[in-house]
């Protein structure tokens, strides 16, 4: 079974990186580098806390983590050992459902983003762009491209957007197209909307419904 070495969460206090207690450090370092690479614009200039829980970190490992943060232009790093990560198991939601990729950019025609967990885009998704996630998709702007949530068959996945106008919308195996071919029950309102599967079809409705 594949074990994730790191978990990244945004909190009211900033960004916290949790280290798995049992993963080899080389795996942790590699995974963290991949996450910084995939969302470089999001992490640039940020300060993070690295929470090792009950894991022991050597001075050499701390320096390697600091060097990595500096390579990706993070403004600061602190090390904490709060107990939030103890008792984490392979059945916890952050492991089984994947993590969240946050992109602070607008996706333009021809650009494509895929991720094994959830995707949050702070910007627009223009026509011709594609967003594919194993989990949920949330767009803090106009969604006018192609979006596929629940890409590995998760029918509980949802799509959220401030303006939900995709050229193609997929959730798991269900497909809907715009503007004239929507096979959805749809409420068009001037408000944030979500798309989900209900009774075998994609339904678009207001967030508060």
Foldseek 3Di string as FASTA:
>chain_A
DDDQQWAWDQDPVGIEIEGDQPDDLVRVLVVVLVLCVLALVVQAQAEYEYADAPHDDDPVSVVSVVVSSVVSRYPYYHYDHDNPPPPDDCPDCCNVQDHEREYADEADAPAEDEDAHEYEYAYEDAANYEYEYCAEYEYAEHYAYEYEYVQVQPQAHKYKYQHDHYQWYHYRHEIAGDDPGGPEAEDDDNGIWMWHDDPHHIYIDHPVD
